[in-house]
């Protein structure tokens, strides 16, 4: 895995645009700092999503946050080259000749597939077993990504609640001008926090994690097709041709 600079760049550009625009309008960063508004929006959004989400899915979503900076690398050409090597070795030494490859397989999915192959499982069993694992992981990853989409839906609404609370404070202190500023600030800043949090972070995170999860499923499909080709004893050159389409997929 390597650092995904595009994700970092996106966050930097998004927030720089907001802060820079505020500065050009004559505002200051201090004006956007409001502790009550932050507590309302962040606390309310987290509370809502925790209430909605099963603990296992919530835990998985926190784990997947690491993918934003260091996503699983999609390198179909390298995977194809590795599978072609397996095909050459199996034709020369038989399927048992692949035993040494298990320990150096790059991921658990490939390792499990190789073990099924070496154990002499028929192609239909290999496909069914690996496709089940792939589908289950995809479902889990998409459910985890949807946690951030749900948060992106809640945050603007909680921001509106914060705005209403601020206005309530304003209406209750019309006879005290000194107290009006805090209520008005909370009202407007809470709305900014809710909408900004949803559109600059939460919804983009959800869509990016979904994209990564689908890319991982594509990687699994490549491994499955490659292992089946090896199991069927296809010539390495045919295996490479059969899998070459995966290298054309935009990652």
Protein backbone atom coordinates (compact mmCIF):
# COMPACT_ATOMS: atom_id res chain seq x y z
CA UNK A 1 0.00 0.00 0.00
CA UNK A 2 1.09 3.56 -0.67
CA UNK A 3 -0.22 6.97 0.30
CA UNK A 4 -3.04 8.21 -1.93
CA UNK A 5 -2.07 11.84 -2.52
CA UNK A 6 -5.24 12.54 -4.50
CA UNK A 7 -7.39 12.01 -1.41
CA UNK A 8 -5.20 14.38 0.59
CA UNK A 9 -5.25 16.91 -2.26
CA UNK A 10 -9.04 16.79 -2.47
CA UNK A 11 -9.46 17.55 1.23
CA UNK A 12 -6.90 20.36 1.11
CA UNK A 13 -8.47 21.99 -1.96
CA UNK A 14 -11.99 21.74 -0.54
CA UNK A 15 -11.22 23.37 2.78
CA UNK A 16 -8.80 25.86 1.25
CA UNK A 17 -11.54 27.04 -1.10
CA UNK A 18 -13.97 27.61 1.78
CA UNK A 19 -11.45 29.36 4.04
CA UNK A 20 -9.95 31.32 1.16
CA UNK A 21 -13.34 32.51 -0.01
CA UNK A 22 -14.24 33.51 3.52
CA UNK A 23 -10.99 35.49 3.76
CA UNK A 24 -11.58 37.24 0.43
CA UNK A 25 -15.02 38.26 1.65
CA UNK A 26 -13.37 39.95 4.60
CA UNK A 27 -14.09 37.21 7.12
CA UNK A 28 -11.67 35.50 9.47
CA UNK A 29 -11.08 31.88 10.42
CA UNK A 30 -11.90 32.74 14.01
CA UNK A 31 -15.44 33.63 12.97
CA UNK A 32 -15.95 30.05 11.81
CA UNK A 33 -14.87 28.56 15.12
CA UNK A 34 -17.86 27.90 17.36
CA UNK A 35 -17.69 25.22 20.05
CA UNK A 36 -21.46 24.89 20.69
CA UNK A 37 -22.13 24.50 16.96
CA UNK A 38 -19.41 21.87 16.67
CA UNK A 39 -20.79 19.90 19.61
CA UNK A 40 -24.32 20.00 18.20
CA UNK A 41 -23.38 18.91 14.68
CA UNK A 42 -20.66 16.36 15.47
CA UNK A 43 -22.37 14.94 18.53
CA UNK A 44 -25.78 14.77 16.91
CA UNK A 45 -24.47 13.18 13.72
CA UNK A 46 -22.42 10.57 15.60
CA UNK A 47 -25.32 9.79 17.92
CA UNK A 48 -27.72 9.27 15.03
CA UNK A 49 -25.39 7.00 13.08
CA UNK A 50 -24.47 4.96 16.18
CA UNK A 51 -28.17 4.43 16.84
CA UNK A 52 -28.73 3.34 13.25
CA UNK A 53 -25.69 1.12 12.69
CA UNK A 54 -24.92 -2.36 14.11
CA UNK A 55 -21.67 -2.44 16.10
CA UNK A 56 -19.88 -4.76 13.65
CA UNK A 57 -20.66 -2.50 10.68
CA UNK A 58 -19.61 0.58 12.64
CA UNK A 59 -16.31 -1.05 13.57
CA UNK A 60 -15.73 -2.04 9.95
CA UNK A 61 -16.40 1.53 8.78
CA UNK A 62 -13.75 2.86 11.17
CA UNK A 63 -11.28 0.28 9.86
CA UNK A 64 -11.98 1.25 6.24
CA UNK A 65 -11.10 4.87 6.95
CA UNK A 66 -7.48 3.80 6.53
CA UNK A 67 -8.28 3.10 2.87
CA UNK A 68 -8.74 6.84 2.30
CA UNK A 69 -5.01 7.42 2.68
CA UNK A 70 -3.62 3.97 1.88
CA UNK A 71 -6.09 1.99 -0.27
CA UNK A 72 -5.41 -1.59 -1.36
CA UNK A 73 -3.33 -1.33 -4.51
CA UNK A 74 -5.00 -2.46 -7.73
CA UNK A 75 -2.26 -3.81 -9.99
CA UNK A 76 -3.98 -6.15 -12.48
CA UNK A 77 -0.92 -6.45 -14.73
CA UNK A 78 1.20 -7.64 -11.82
CA UNK A 79 -1.51 -10.09 -10.74
CA UNK A 80 -1.82 -11.46 -14.28
CA UNK A 81 1.94 -11.91 -14.46
CA UNK A 82 1.87 -13.81 -11.17
CA UNK A 83 -0.97 -16.08 -12.32
CA UNK A 84 0.80 -16.81 -15.62
CA UNK A 85 3.78 -17.86 -13.51
CA UNK A 86 1.52 -20.23 -11.59
CA UNK A 87 0.27 -21.68 -14.88
CA UNK A 88 3.82 -22.29 -16.11
CA UNK A 89 4.86 -23.92 -12.86
CA UNK A 90 1.78 -26.15 -12.65
CA UNK A 91 2.33 -27.43 -16.20
CA UNK A 92 5.92 -28.23 -15.36
CA UNK A 93 5.57 -29.65 -11.82
CA UNK A 94 1.85 -30.26 -11.38
CA UNK A 95 -0.47 -28.48 -8.98
CA UNK A 96 1.57 -29.67 -6.00
CA UNK A 97 4.44 -27.64 -7.41
CA UNK A 98 2.53 -24.52 -6.34
CA UNK A 99 2.84 -25.26 -2.63
CA UNK A 100 5.74 -22.84 -2.26
CA UNK A 101 3.59 -20.06 -3.75
CA UNK A 102 1.09 -20.19 -0.87
CA UNK A 103 3.47 -18.64 1.64
CA UNK A 104 4.35 -15.75 -0.69
CA UNK A 105 0.83 -15.05 -1.98
CA UNK A 106 0.12 -11.30 -1.65
CA UNK A 107 -3.24 -11.58 0.13
CA UNK A 108 -5.46 -14.01 2.03
CA UNK A 109 -7.87 -14.36 -0.90
CA UNK A 110 -5.16 -15.55 -3.30
CA UNK A 111 -3.71 -17.77 -0.58
CA UNK A 112 -7.05 -19.50 0.00
CA UNK A 113 -7.55 -20.00 -3.72
CA UNK A 114 -4.11 -21.55 -4.12
CA UNK A 115 -4.75 -23.94 -1.24
CA UNK A 116 -8.04 -25.05 -2.82
CA UNK A 117 -6.21 -25.53 -6.11
CA UNK A 118 -3.38 -27.54 -4.57
CA UNK A 119 -5.82 -29.70 -2.61
CA UNK A 120 -7.34 -30.84 -5.89
CA UNK A 121 -10.72 -29.10 -5.60
CA UNK A 122 -12.70 -29.12 -8.83
CA UNK A 123 -13.14 -25.79 -10.64
CA UNK A 124 -16.80 -25.43 -9.66
CA UNK A 125 -15.93 -25.78 -5.97
CA UNK A 126 -13.12 -23.25 -6.29
CA UNK A 127 -15.43 -20.76 -8.01
CA UNK A 128 -18.28 -21.21 -5.55
CA UNK A 129 -16.04 -20.92 -2.50
CA UNK A 130 -14.12 -17.87 -3.65
CA UNK A 131 -17.14 -16.07 -5.09
CA UNK A 132 -18.93 -16.52 -1.77
CA UNK A 133 -15.98 -14.98 0.08
CA UNK A 134 -15.78 -12.12 -2.42
CA UNK A 135 -19.49 -11.35 -2.27
CA UNK A 136 -19.54 -11.41 1.53
CA UNK A 137 -16.59 -9.03 1.73
CA UNK A 138 -18.16 -6.71 -0.84
CA UNK A 139 -21.41 -6.61 1.13
CA UNK A 140 -19.51 -5.80 4.33
CA UNK A 141 -17.41 -3.10 2.68
CA UNK A 142 -20.40 -1.43 1.01
CA UNK A 143 -22.33 -1.48 4.28
CA UNK A 144 -19.36 0.18 5.98
CA UNK A 145 -19.14 2.82 3.23
CA UNK A 146 -22.85 3.52 3.62
CA UNK A 147 -22.23 4.52 7.24
CA UNK A 148 -20.52 7.65 5.95
CA UNK A 149 -23.31 8.25 3.45
CA UNK A 150 -25.80 8.09 6.32
CA UNK A 151 -23.69 10.56 8.30
CA UNK A 152 -23.65 12.82 5.25
CA UNK A 153 -27.43 12.75 5.28
CA UNK A 154 -27.75 13.47 8.99
CA UNK A 155 -25.15 16.26 9.28
CA UNK A 156 -27.02 19.00 7.35
CA UNK A 157 -30.24 18.24 9.24
CA UNK A 158 -28.43 18.38 12.58
CA UNK A 159 -26.91 21.66 11.39
CA UNK A 160 -30.40 23.02 10.88
CA UNK A 161 -31.31 21.90 14.41
CA UNK A 162 -28.25 23.82 15.65
CA UNK A 163 -29.42 26.86 13.70
CA UNK A 164 -32.88 26.68 15.23
CA UNK A 165 -31.38 26.33 18.72
CA UNK A 166 -29.28 29.41 18.07
CA UNK A 167 -32.32 31.36 16.91
CA UNK A 168 -34.25 30.27 19.98
CA UNK A 169 -31.46 31.75 22.07
CA UNK A 170 -31.66 34.95 20.03
CA UNK A 171 -35.43 35.25 20.43
CA UNK A 172 -35.16 34.65 24.17
CA UNK A 173 -32.59 37.42 24.60
CA UNK A 174 -33.95 40.23 22.45
CA UNK A 175 -33.77 42.53 25.46
CA UNK A 176 -30.08 41.68 26.00
CA UNK A 177 -28.04 42.75 22.95
CA UNK A 178 -24.84 41.30 24.45
CA UNK A 179 -26.31 37.78 24.25
CA UNK A 180 -27.57 38.06 20.68
CA UNK A 181 -24.17 37.62 19.05
CA UNK A 182 -23.53 34.15 20.48
CA UNK A 183 -26.94 32.87 19.41
CA UNK A 184 -26.67 34.26 15.87
CA UNK A 185 -23.14 32.87 15.49
CA UNK A 186 -24.26 29.40 16.60
CA UNK A 187 -27.21 29.54 14.21
CA UNK A 188 -25.18 30.32 11.10
CA UNK A 189 -22.02 28.37 11.93
CA UNK A 190 -23.99 25.21 12.80
CA UNK A 191 -25.52 25.28 9.33
CA UNK A 192 -22.09 25.71 7.74
CA UNK A 193 -20.69 22.85 9.82
CA UNK A 194 -23.50 20.49 8.85
CA UNK A 195 -23.50 21.21 5.13
CA UNK A 196 -19.71 21.48 4.91
CA UNK A 197 -19.06 18.27 6.84
CA UNK A 198 -21.47 16.36 4.62
CA UNK A 199 -20.30 17.67 1.25
CA UNK A 200 -16.57 18.12 1.85
CA UNK A 201 -15.90 14.95 3.84
CA UNK A 202 -18.64 12.42 4.58
CA UNK A 203 -20.29 11.95 1.18
CA UNK A 204 -16.95 11.96 -0.73
CA UNK A 205 -15.56 9.44 1.76
CA UNK A 206 -18.58 7.17 1.22
CA UNK A 207 -18.25 7.27 -2.56
CA UNK A 208 -14.49 6.76 -2.50
CA UNK A 209 -14.75 3.75 -0.19
CA UNK A 210 -17.45 2.29 -2.43
CA UNK A 211 -15.16 2.71 -5.45
CA UNK A 212 -12.28 1.00 -3.64
CA UNK A 213 -14.55 -1.86 -2.56
CA UNK A 214 -15.69 -2.43 -6.15
CA UNK A 215 -12.07 -2.36 -7.34
CA UNK A 216 -11.25 -5.01 -4.75
CA UNK A 217 -14.11 -7.15 -6.03
CA UNK A 218 -12.64 -6.78 -9.54
CA UNK A 219 -9.30 -8.00 -8.20
CA UNK A 220 -11.04 -11.02 -6.68
CA UNK A 221 -12.73 -11.78 -10.01
CA UNK A 222 -9.33 -11.68 -11.72
CA UNK A 223 -7.84 -14.11 -9.19
CA UNK A 224 -10.80 -16.47 -9.50
CA UNK A 225 -10.65 -16.57 -13.31
CA UNK A 226 -6.89 -17.04 -13.19
CA UNK A 227 -7.04 -19.91 -10.72
CA UNK A 228 -9.75 -21.63 -12.76
CA UNK A 229 -7.60 -21.33 -15.88
CA UNK A 230 -4.71 -22.93 -14.01
CA UNK A 231 -6.99 -25.66 -12.65
CA UNK A 232 -8.16 -26.43 -16.18
CA UNK A 233 -4.55 -26.77 -17.35
CA UNK A 234 -4.67 -24.00 -19.93
CA UNK A 235 -1.47 -22.95 -21.66
CA UNK A 236 0.17 -19.94 -19.95
CA UNK A 237 -0.14 -17.89 -23.13
CA UNK A 238 -3.89 -18.61 -23.25
CA UNK A 239 -4.16 -17.73 -19.57
CA UNK A 240 -2.53 -14.36 -20.19
CA UNK A 241 -4.81 -13.66 -23.14
CA UNK A 242 -7.87 -14.74 -21.16
CA UNK A 243 -7.05 -12.37 -18.31
CA UNK A 244 -5.75 -9.43 -20.35
CA UNK A 245 -9.13 -7.70 -20.31
CA UNK A 246 -8.79 -7.03 -16.60
CA UNK A 247 -5.70 -4.91 -17.26
CA UNK A 248 -7.79 -2.58 -19.44
CA UNK A 249 -10.25 -1.78 -16.64
CA UNK A 250 -9.88 1.76 -15.32
CA UNK A 251 -8.99 1.62 -11.64
